[in-house]
PDB file of N, CA and C in Angstrom:
ATOM      1  N   MET A   1     -11.791   4.740  -7.995  1.00  0.00           N
ATOM      2  CA  MET A   1     -10.492   4.247  -7.564  1.00  0.00           C
ATOM      3  C   MET A   1     -10.494   2.731  -7.664  1.00  0.00           C
ATOM      4  N   ASP A   2      -9.450   2.191  -8.220  1.00  0.00           N
ATOM      5  CA  ASP A   2      -9.316   0.753  -8.354  1.00  0.00           C
ATOM      6  C   ASP A   2      -8.776   0.198  -7.036  1.00  0.00           C
ATOM      7  N   TYR A   3      -8.619  -1.094  -6.971  1.00  0.00           N
ATOM      8  CA  TYR A   3      -8.126  -1.718  -5.751  1.00  0.00           C
ATOM      9  C   TYR A   3      -6.611  -1.615  -5.644  1.00  0.00           C
ATOM     10  N   VAL A   4      -6.126  -1.350  -4.453  1.00  0.00           N
ATOM     11  CA  VAL A   4      -4.695  -1.304  -4.190  1.00  0.00           C
ATOM     12  C   VAL A   4      -4.184  -2.711  -3.919  1.00  0.00           C
ATOM     13  N   PHE A   5      -5.005  -3.516  -3.269  1.00  0.00           N
ATOM     14  CA  PHE A   5      -4.639  -4.888  -2.943  1.00  0.00           C
ATOM     15  C   PHE A   5      -5.503  -5.847  -3.748  1.00  0.00           C
ATOM     16  N   VAL A   6      -4.926  -6.964  -4.151  1.00  0.00           N
ATOM     17  CA  VAL A   6      -5.648  -7.991  -4.902  1.00  0.00           C
ATOM     18  C   VAL A   6      -5.352  -9.363  -4.305  1.00  0.00           C
ATOM     19  N   LYS A   7      -6.275 -10.290  -4.516  1.00  0.00           N
ATOM     20  CA  LYS A   7      -6.004 -11.680  -4.133  1.00  0.00           C
ATOM     21  C   LYS A   7      -5.152 -12.266  -5.244  1.00  0.00           C
ATOM     22  N   ASP A   8      -3.928 -12.650  -4.902  1.00  0.00           N
ATOM     23  CA  ASP A   8      -2.935 -13.010  -5.911  1.00  0.00           C
ATOM     24  C   ASP A   8      -2.389 -14.425  -5.742  1.00  0.00           C
ATOM     25  N   ALA A   9      -2.978 -15.181  -4.817  1.00  0.00           N
ATOM     26  CA  ALA A   9      -2.459 -16.527  -4.577  1.00  0.00           C
ATOM     27  C   ALA A   9      -3.587 -17.388  -4.012  1.00  0.00           C
ATOM     28  N   PRO A  10      -3.441 -18.692  -4.084  1.00  0.00           N
ATOM     29  CA  PRO A  10      -4.469 -19.557  -3.502  1.00  0.00           C
ATOM     30  C   PRO A  10      -4.430 -19.491  -1.984  1.00  0.00           C
ATOM     31  N   GLY A  11      -5.529 -19.790  -1.365  1.00  0.00           N
ATOM     32  CA  GLY A  11      -5.574 -19.839   0.088  1.00  0.00           C
ATOM     33  C   GLY A  11      -6.478 -18.780   0.666  1.00  0.00           C
ATOM     34  N   LEU A  12      -6.729 -18.903   1.941  1.00  0.00           N
ATOM     35  CA  LEU A  12      -7.640 -17.993   2.623  1.00  0.00           C
ATOM     36  C   LEU A  12      -6.928 -17.006   3.533  1.00  0.00           C
ATOM     37  N   CYS A  13      -5.677 -17.207   3.795  1.00  0.00           N
ATOM     38  CA  CYS A  13      -4.979 -16.354   4.751  1.00  0.00           C
ATOM     39  C   CYS A  13      -4.451 -15.082   4.083  1.00  0.00           C
ATOM     40  N   HIS A  14      -3.867 -14.219   4.873  1.00  0.00           N
ATOM     41  CA  HIS A  14      -3.396 -12.920   4.394  1.00  0.00           C
ATOM     42  C   HIS A  14      -2.281 -13.034   3.344  1.00  0.00           C
ATOM     43  N   HIS A  15      -1.632 -14.161   3.262  1.00  0.00           N
ATOM     44  CA  HIS A  15      -0.563 -14.323   2.270  1.00  0.00           C
ATOM     45  C   HIS A  15      -1.095 -14.309   0.844  1.00  0.00           C
ATOM     46  N   ALA A  16      -2.399 -14.515   0.678  1.00  0.00           N
ATOM     47  CA  ALA A  16      -2.997 -14.519  -0.655  1.00  0.00           C
ATOM     48  C   ALA A  16      -3.297 -13.103  -1.145  1.00  0.00           C
ATOM     49  N   THR A  17      -3.306 -12.135  -0.253  1.00  0.00           N
ATOM     50  CA  THR A  17      -3.617 -10.759  -0.620  1.00  0.00           C
ATOM     51  C   THR A  17      -2.331  -9.960  -0.710  1.00  0.00           C
ATOM     52  N   ARG A  18      -2.145  -9.312  -1.862  1.00  0.00           N
ATOM     53  CA  ARG A  18      -0.905  -8.575  -2.106  1.00  0.00           C
ATOM     54  C   ARG A  18      -1.208  -7.272  -2.821  1.00  0.00           C
ATOM     55  N   PRO A  19      -0.301  -6.306  -2.734  1.00  0.00           N
ATOM     56  CA  PRO A  19      -0.490  -5.065  -3.489  1.00  0.00           C
ATOM     57  C   PRO A  19      -0.490  -5.337  -4.991  1.00  0.00           C
ATOM     58  N   ARG A  20      -1.380  -4.663  -5.697  1.00  0.00           N
ATOM     59  CA  ARG A  20      -1.478  -4.812  -7.148  1.00  0.00           C
ATOM     60  C   ARG A  20      -0.221  -4.268  -7.816  1.00  0.00           C
ATOM     61  N   GLY A  21       0.217  -4.915  -8.887  1.00  0.00           N
ATOM     62  CA  GLY A  21       1.336  -4.421  -9.672  1.00  0.00           C
ATOM     63  C   GLY A  21       2.618  -5.217  -9.550  1.00  0.00           C
ATOM     64  N   TYR A  22       2.576  -6.317  -8.803  1.00  0.00           N
ATOM     65  CA  TYR A  22       3.781  -7.117  -8.623  1.00  0.00           C
ATOM     66  C   TYR A  22       3.409  -8.591  -8.689  1.00  0.00           C
ATOM     67  N   ASP A  23       4.118  -9.355  -9.470  1.00  0.00           N
ATOM     68  CA  ASP A  23       3.856 -10.782  -9.617  1.00  0.00           C
ATOM     69  C   ASP A  23       4.902 -11.564  -8.842  1.00  0.00           C
ATOM     70  N   PHE A  24       4.490 -12.117  -7.709  1.00  0.00           N
ATOM     71  CA  PHE A  24       5.410 -12.866  -6.865  1.00  0.00           C
ATOM     72  C   PHE A  24       5.888 -14.144  -7.527  1.00  0.00           C
ATOM     73  N   SER A  25       5.053 -14.730  -8.374  1.00  0.00           N
ATOM     74  CA  SER A  25       5.419 -16.019  -8.960  1.00  0.00           C
ATOM     75  C   SER A  25       6.643 -15.923  -9.864  1.00  0.00           C
ATOM     76  N   VAL A  26       6.882 -14.743 -10.440  1.00  0.00           N
ATOM     77  CA  VAL A  26       8.054 -14.561 -11.296  1.00  0.00           C
ATOM     78  C   VAL A  26       8.944 -13.409 -10.819  1.00  0.00           C
ATOM     79  N   ASP A  27       8.627 -12.861  -9.624  1.00  0.00           N
ATOM     80  CA  ASP A  27       9.399 -11.771  -9.031  1.00  0.00           C
ATOM     81  C   ASP A  27       9.563 -10.607 -10.014  1.00  0.00           C
ATOM     82  N   ALA A  28       8.412 -10.101 -10.505  1.00  0.00           N
ATOM     83  CA  ALA A  28       8.472  -9.047 -11.516  1.00  0.00           C
ATOM     84  C   ALA A  28       7.403  -7.984 -11.276  1.00  0.00           C
ATOM     85  N   VAL A  29       7.772  -6.759 -11.570  1.00  0.00           N
ATOM     86  CA  VAL A  29       6.835  -5.635 -11.504  1.00  0.00           C
ATOM     87  C   VAL A  29       6.082  -5.552 -12.821  1.00  0.00           C
ATOM     88  N   HIS A  30       4.774  -5.375 -12.737  1.00  0.00           N
ATOM     89  CA  HIS A  30       3.949  -5.114 -13.919  1.00  0.00           C
ATOM     90  C   HIS A  30       3.795  -3.599 -14.009  1.00  0.00           C
ATOM     91  N   SER A  31       4.560  -2.981 -14.879  1.00  0.00           N
ATOM     92  CA  SER A  31       4.667  -1.523 -14.947  1.00  0.00           C
ATOM     93  C   SER A  31       3.317  -0.827 -15.044  1.00  0.00           C
ATOM     94  N   LYS A  32       2.447  -1.288 -15.922  1.00  0.00           N
ATOM     95  CA  LYS A  32       1.158  -0.635 -16.124  1.00  0.00           C
ATOM     96  C   LYS A  32       0.289  -0.723 -14.863  1.00  0.00           C
ATOM     97  N   ASP A  33       0.225  -1.908 -14.245  1.00  0.00           N
ATOM     98  CA  ASP A  33      -0.542  -2.074 -13.008  1.00  0.00           C
ATOM     99  C   ASP A  33       0.060  -1.253 -11.873  1.00  0.00           C
ATOM    100  N   MET A  34       1.387  -1.226 -11.789  1.00  0.00           N
ATOM    101  CA  MET A  34       2.055  -0.468 -10.731  1.00  0.00           C
ATOM    102  C   MET A  34       1.776   1.021 -10.902  1.00  0.00           C
ATOM    103  N   GLU A  35       1.847   1.511 -12.119  1.00  0.00           N
ATOM    104  CA  GLU A  35       1.564   2.922 -12.392  1.00  0.00           C
ATOM    105  C   GLU A  35       0.129   3.266 -12.011  1.00  0.00           C
ATOM    106  N   SER A  36      -0.796   2.407 -12.344  1.00  0.00           N
ATOM    107  CA  SER A  36      -2.204   2.614 -12.013  1.00  0.00           C
ATOM    108  C   SER A  36      -2.420   2.589 -10.499  1.00  0.00           C
ATOM    109  N   ARG A  37      -1.779   1.634  -9.818  1.00  0.00           N
ATOM    110  CA  ARG A  37      -1.913   1.533  -8.359  1.00  0.00           C
ATOM    111  C   ARG A  37      -1.346   2.766  -7.675  1.00  0.00           C
ATOM    112  N   ARG A  38      -0.209   3.247  -8.166  1.00  0.00           N
ATOM    113  CA  ARG A  38       0.392   4.455  -7.580  1.00  0.00           C
ATOM    114  C   ARG A  38      -0.521   5.659  -7.777  1.00  0.00           C
ATOM    115  N   ALA A  39      -1.152   5.770  -8.934  1.00  0.00           N
ATOM    116  CA  ALA A  39      -2.094   6.870  -9.183  1.00  0.00           C
ATOM    117  C   ALA A  39      -3.289   6.757  -8.241  1.00  0.00           C
ATOM    118  N   ASP A  40      -3.805   5.545  -8.050  1.00  0.00           N
ATOM    119  CA  ASP A  40      -4.914   5.345  -7.112  1.00  0.00           C
ATOM    120  C   ASP A  40      -4.495   5.747  -5.697  1.00  0.00           C
ATOM    121  N   TYR A  41      -3.296   5.349  -5.317  1.00  0.00           N
ATOM    122  CA  TYR A  41      -2.780   5.669  -3.976  1.00  0.00           C
ATOM    123  C   TYR A  41      -2.676   7.181  -3.798  1.00  0.00           C
ATOM    124  N   ARG A  42      -2.113   7.874  -4.800  1.00  0.00           N
ATOM    125  CA  ARG A  42      -1.955   9.329  -4.697  1.00  0.00           C
ATOM    126  C   ARG A  42      -3.292  10.044  -4.587  1.00  0.00           C
ATOM    127  N   SER A  43      -4.356   9.461  -5.137  1.00  0.00           N
ATOM    128  CA  SER A  43      -5.665  10.098  -5.087  1.00  0.00           C
ATOM    129  C   SER A  43      -6.395   9.861  -3.763  1.00  0.00           C
ATOM    130  N   MET A  44      -5.842   9.029  -2.913  1.00  0.00           N
ATOM    131  CA  MET A  44      -6.466   8.739  -1.617  1.00  0.00           C
ATOM    132  C   MET A  44      -6.329   9.923  -0.667  1.00  0.00           C
ATOM    133  N   HIS A  45      -7.212   9.966   0.331  1.00  0.00           N
ATOM    134  CA  HIS A  45      -7.071  10.916   1.426  1.00  0.00           C
ATOM    135  C   HIS A  45      -5.868  10.498   2.271  1.00  0.00           C
ATOM    136  N   SER A  46      -5.328  11.436   3.024  1.00  0.00           N
ATOM    137  CA  SER A  46      -4.137  11.147   3.851  1.00  0.00           C
ATOM    138  C   SER A  46      -4.327   9.938   4.748  1.00  0.00           C
ATOM    139  N   VAL A  47      -5.478   9.844   5.395  1.00  0.00           N
ATOM    140  CA  VAL A  47      -5.706   8.727   6.315  1.00  0.00           C
ATOM    141  C   VAL A  47      -5.669   7.395   5.569  1.00  0.00           C
ATOM    142  N   GLN A  48      -6.198   7.344   4.369  1.00  0.00           N
ATOM    143  CA  GLN A  48      -6.151   6.120   3.571  1.00  0.00           C
ATOM    144  C   GLN A  48      -4.722   5.787   3.172  1.00  0.00           C
ATOM    145  N   GLN A  49      -3.950   6.801   2.799  1.00  0.00           N
ATOM    146  CA  GLN A  49      -2.549   6.571   2.447  1.00  0.00           C
ATOM    147  C   GLN A  49      -1.771   6.041   3.639  1.00  0.00           C
ATOM    148  N   ILE A  50      -1.997   6.628   4.801  1.00  0.00           N
ATOM    149  CA  ILE A  50      -1.274   6.198   6.009  1.00  0.00           C
ATOM    150  C   ILE A  50      -1.596   4.744   6.329  1.00  0.00           C
ATOM    151  N   LEU A  51      -2.867   4.382   6.283  1.00  0.00           N
ATOM    152  CA  LEU A  51      -3.249   3.006   6.589  1.00  0.00           C
ATOM    153  C   LEU A  51      -2.713   2.033   5.537  1.00  0.00           C
ATOM    154  N   THR A  52      -2.793   2.400   4.277  1.00  0.00           N
ATOM    155  CA  THR A  52      -2.279   1.544   3.213  1.00  0.00           C
ATOM    156  C   THR A  52      -0.774   1.355   3.332  1.00  0.00           C
ATOM    157  N   ALA A  53      -0.044   2.456   3.532  1.00  0.00           N
ATOM    158  CA  ALA A  53       1.411   2.370   3.690  1.00  0.00           C
ATOM    159  C   ALA A  53       1.772   1.528   4.909  1.00  0.00           C
ATOM    160  N   SER A  54       1.017   1.672   5.996  1.00  0.00           N
ATOM    161  CA  SER A  54       1.291   0.888   7.204  1.00  0.00           C
ATOM    162  C   SER A  54       1.126  -0.602   6.947  1.00  0.00           C
ATOM    163  N   ILE A  55       0.084  -0.969   6.209  1.00  0.00           N
ATOM    164  CA  ILE A  55      -0.122  -2.381   5.881  1.00  0.00           C
ATOM    165  C   ILE A  55       1.041  -2.897   5.041  1.00  0.00           C
ATOM    166  N   ILE A  56       1.462  -2.117   4.069  1.00  0.00           N
ATOM    167  CA  ILE A  56       2.592  -2.539   3.222  1.00  0.00           C
ATOM    168  C   ILE A  56       3.868  -2.635   4.048  1.00  0.00           C
ATOM    169  N   TRP A  57       4.123  -1.649   4.915  1.00  0.00           N
ATOM    170  CA  TRP A  57       5.314  -1.713   5.762  1.00  0.00           C
ATOM    171  C   TRP A  57       5.293  -2.975   6.623  1.00  0.00           C
ATOM    172  N   LEU A  58       4.126  -3.324   7.170  1.00  0.00           N
ATOM    173  CA  LEU A  58       4.017  -4.532   7.986  1.00  0.00           C
ATOM    174  C   LEU A  58       4.285  -5.784   7.153  1.00  0.00           C
ATOM    175  N   CYS A  59       3.728  -5.828   5.954  1.00  0.00           N
ATOM    176  CA  CYS A  59       3.932  -6.988   5.079  1.00  0.00           C
ATOM    177  C   CYS A  59       5.389  -7.128   4.657  1.00  0.00           C
ATOM    178  N   ARG A  60       6.029  -6.022   4.372  1.00  0.00           N
ATOM    179  CA  ARG A  60       7.411  -6.041   3.883  1.00  0.00           C
ATOM    180  C   ARG A  60       8.426  -6.117   5.021  1.00  0.00           C
ATOM    181  N   ALA A  61       7.994  -5.847   6.251  1.00  0.00           N
ATOM    182  CA  ALA A  61       8.860  -5.876   7.428  1.00  0.00           C
ATOM    183  C   ALA A  61      10.047  -4.934   7.287  1.00  0.00           C
ATOM    184  N   GLY A  62       9.804  -3.770   6.721  1.00  0.00           N
ATOM    185  CA  GLY A  62      10.860  -2.779   6.587  1.00  0.00           C
ATOM    186  C   GLY A  62      10.626  -1.846   5.424  1.00  0.00           C
ATOM    187  N   LYS A  63      11.630  -1.081   5.098  1.00  0.00           N
ATOM    188  CA  LYS A  63      11.536  -0.107   4.011  1.00  0.00           C
ATOM    189  C   LYS A  63      11.216  -0.813   2.708  1.00  0.00           C
ATOM    190  N   ASP A  64      10.350  -0.191   1.930  1.00  0.00           N
ATOM    191  CA  ASP A  64       9.927  -0.776   0.667  1.00  0.00           C
ATOM    192  C   ASP A  64      10.205   0.186  -0.471  1.00  0.00           C
ATOM    193  N   ASN A  65      10.861  -0.290  -1.508  1.00  0.00           N
ATOM    194  CA  ASN A  65      11.135   0.543  -2.680  1.00  0.00           C
ATOM    195  C   ASN A  65      10.326   0.120  -3.899  1.00  0.00           C
ATOM    196  N   VAL A  66       9.537  -0.942  -3.765  1.00  0.00           N
ATOM    197  CA  VAL A  66       8.744  -1.424  -4.890  1.00  0.00           C
ATOM    198  C   VAL A  66       7.352  -0.812  -4.846  1.00  0.00           C
ATOM    199  N   TRP A  67       6.578  -1.132  -3.811  1.00  0.00           N
ATOM    200  CA  TRP A  67       5.186  -0.710  -3.743  1.00  0.00           C
ATOM    201  C   TRP A  67       5.022   0.733  -3.298  1.00  0.00           C
ATOM    202  N   LEU A  68       5.952   1.234  -2.508  1.00  0.00           N
ATOM    203  CA  LEU A  68       5.826   2.597  -1.998  1.00  0.00           C
ATOM    204  C   LEU A  68       6.763   3.569  -2.695  1.00  0.00           C
ATOM    205  N   GLY A  69       7.430   3.123  -3.735  1.00  0.00           N
ATOM    206  CA  GLY A  69       8.294   4.014  -4.498  1.00  0.00           C
ATOM    207  C   GLY A  69       7.482   5.051  -5.253  1.00  0.00           C
ATOM    208  N   ARG A  70       7.926   6.281  -5.207  1.00  0.00           N
ATOM    209  CA  ARG A  70       7.304   7.399  -5.933  1.00  0.00           C
ATOM    210  C   ARG A  70       5.902   7.761  -5.459  1.00  0.00           C
ATOM    211  N   VAL A  71       5.580   7.448  -4.197  1.00  0.00           N
ATOM    212  CA  VAL A  71       4.314   7.890  -3.613  1.00  0.00           C
ATOM    213  C   VAL A  71       4.583   8.469  -2.226  1.00  0.00           C
ATOM    214  N   PRO A  72       3.725   9.385  -1.747  1.00  0.00           N
ATOM    215  CA  PRO A  72       3.933   9.953  -0.416  1.00  0.00           C
ATOM    216  C   PRO A  72       3.722   8.893   0.661  1.00  0.00           C
ATOM    217  N   CYS A  73       4.710   8.728   1.530  1.00  0.00           N
ATOM    218  CA  CYS A  73       4.572   7.706   2.577  1.00  0.00           C
ATOM    219  C   CYS A  73       5.523   7.933   3.753  1.00  0.00           C
ATOM    220  N   THR A  74       6.036   9.124   3.910  1.00  0.00           N
ATOM    221  CA  THR A  74       7.006   9.357   4.984  1.00  0.00           C
ATOM    222  C   THR A  74       6.506  10.434   5.944  1.00  0.00           C
ATOM    223  N   TRP A  75       5.504  10.089   6.730  1.00  0.00           N
ATOM    224  CA  TRP A  75       4.976  11.013   7.721  1.00  0.00           C
ATOM    225  C   TRP A  75       5.710  10.799   9.036  1.00  0.00           C
ATOM    226  N   PRO A  76       5.999  11.884   9.748  1.00  0.00           N
ATOM    227  CA  PRO A  76       6.469  11.693  11.117  1.00  0.00           C
ATOM    228  C   PRO A  76       5.360  10.988  11.906  1.00  0.00           C
ATOM    229  N   THR A  77       5.730  10.134  12.828  1.00  0.00           N
ATOM    230  CA  THR A  77       4.749   9.351  13.579  1.00  0.00           C
ATOM    231  C   THR A  77       3.694  10.238  14.234  1.00  0.00           C
ATOM    232  N   ALA A  78       4.121  11.311  14.875  1.00  0.00           N
ATOM    233  CA  ALA A  78       3.169  12.195  15.550  1.00  0.00           C
ATOM    234  C   ALA A  78       2.164  12.789  14.565  1.00  0.00           C
ATOM    235  N   GLU A  79       2.634  13.168  13.379  1.00  0.00           N
ATOM    236  CA  GLU A  79       1.736  13.731  12.368  1.00  0.00           C
ATOM    237  C   GLU A  79       0.750  12.671  11.861  1.00  0.00           C
ATOM    238  N   ALA A  80       1.222  11.475  11.609  1.00  0.00           N
ATOM    239  CA  ALA A  80       0.345  10.400  11.143  1.00  0.00           C
ATOM    240  C   ALA A  80      -0.716  10.072  12.185  1.00  0.00           C
ATOM    241  N   LEU A  81      -0.309   9.996  13.447  1.00  0.00           N
ATOM    242  CA  LEU A  81      -1.270   9.714  14.512  1.00  0.00           C
ATOM    243  C   LEU A  81      -2.311  10.833  14.633  1.00  0.00           C
ATOM    244  N   GLN A  82      -1.882  12.073  14.494  1.00  0.00           N
ATOM    245  CA  GLN A  82      -2.823  13.200  14.544  1.00  0.00           C
ATOM    246  C   GLN A  82      -3.834  13.110  13.393  1.00  0.00           C
ATOM    247  N   ILE A  83      -3.370  12.815  12.201  1.00  0.00           N
ATOM    248  CA  ILE A  83      -4.261  12.659  11.049  1.00  0.00           C
ATOM    249  C   ILE A  83      -5.251  11.522  11.292  1.00  0.00           C
ATOM    250  N   LEU A  84      -4.776  10.404  11.803  1.00  0.00           N
ATOM    251  CA  LEU A  84      -5.662   9.270  12.081  1.00  0.00           C
ATOM    252  C   LEU A  84      -6.684   9.597  13.163  1.00  0.00           C
ATOM    253  N   ARG A  85      -6.255  10.313  14.214  1.00  0.00           N
ATOM    254  CA  ARG A  85      -7.194  10.710  15.278  1.00  0.00           C
ATOM    255  C   ARG A  85      -8.252  11.678  14.758  1.00  0.00           C
ATOM    256  N   GLU A  86      -7.801  12.700  14.013  1.00  0.00           N
ATOM    257  CA  GLU A  86      -8.721  13.723  13.512  1.00  0.00           C
ATOM    258  C   GLU A  86      -9.748  13.132  12.546  1.00  0.00           C
ATOM    259  N   SER A  87      -9.386  12.075  11.847  1.00  0.00           N
ATOM    260  CA  SER A  87     -10.288  11.467  10.875  1.00  0.00           C
ATOM    261  C   SER A  87     -11.223  10.446  11.524  1.00  0.00           C
ATOM    262  N   GLY A  88     -10.962  10.130  12.800  1.00  0.00           N
ATOM    263  CA  GLY A  88     -11.758   9.125  13.486  1.00  0.00           C
ATOM    264  C   GLY A  88     -11.298   7.701  13.228  1.00  0.00           C
ATOM    265  N   ALA A  89     -10.134   7.546  12.594  1.00  0.00           N
ATOM    266  CA  ALA A  89      -9.607   6.205  12.304  1.00  0.00           C
ATOM    267  C   ALA A  89      -9.022   5.537  13.545  1.00  0.00           C
ATOM    268  N   LEU A  90      -8.689   6.324  14.567  1.00  0.00           N
ATOM    269  CA  LEU A  90      -8.176   5.754  15.818  1.00  0.00           C
ATOM    270  C   LEU A  90      -9.195   5.943  16.923  1.00  0.00           C
TER     271      LEU A  90
END
């Protein structure tokens, strides 16, 4: 599995780390990278998908149609929490 997040900007803070497949400097999606990232995401275990989607939701501060488009990411809260508990992530 390739990386879902990449360091995409100068600096040491969290603003330098972004989901792979999108170039902020020109506000453009890189189709091939996005397709690859989505495939990597789909191959993750549920707990990994939930944590990854949560990080993206936090970064985007709301619904996202770029990074989370065409991938599973709509769990009811109770179901997501149960999956995280059962996996030992919580």
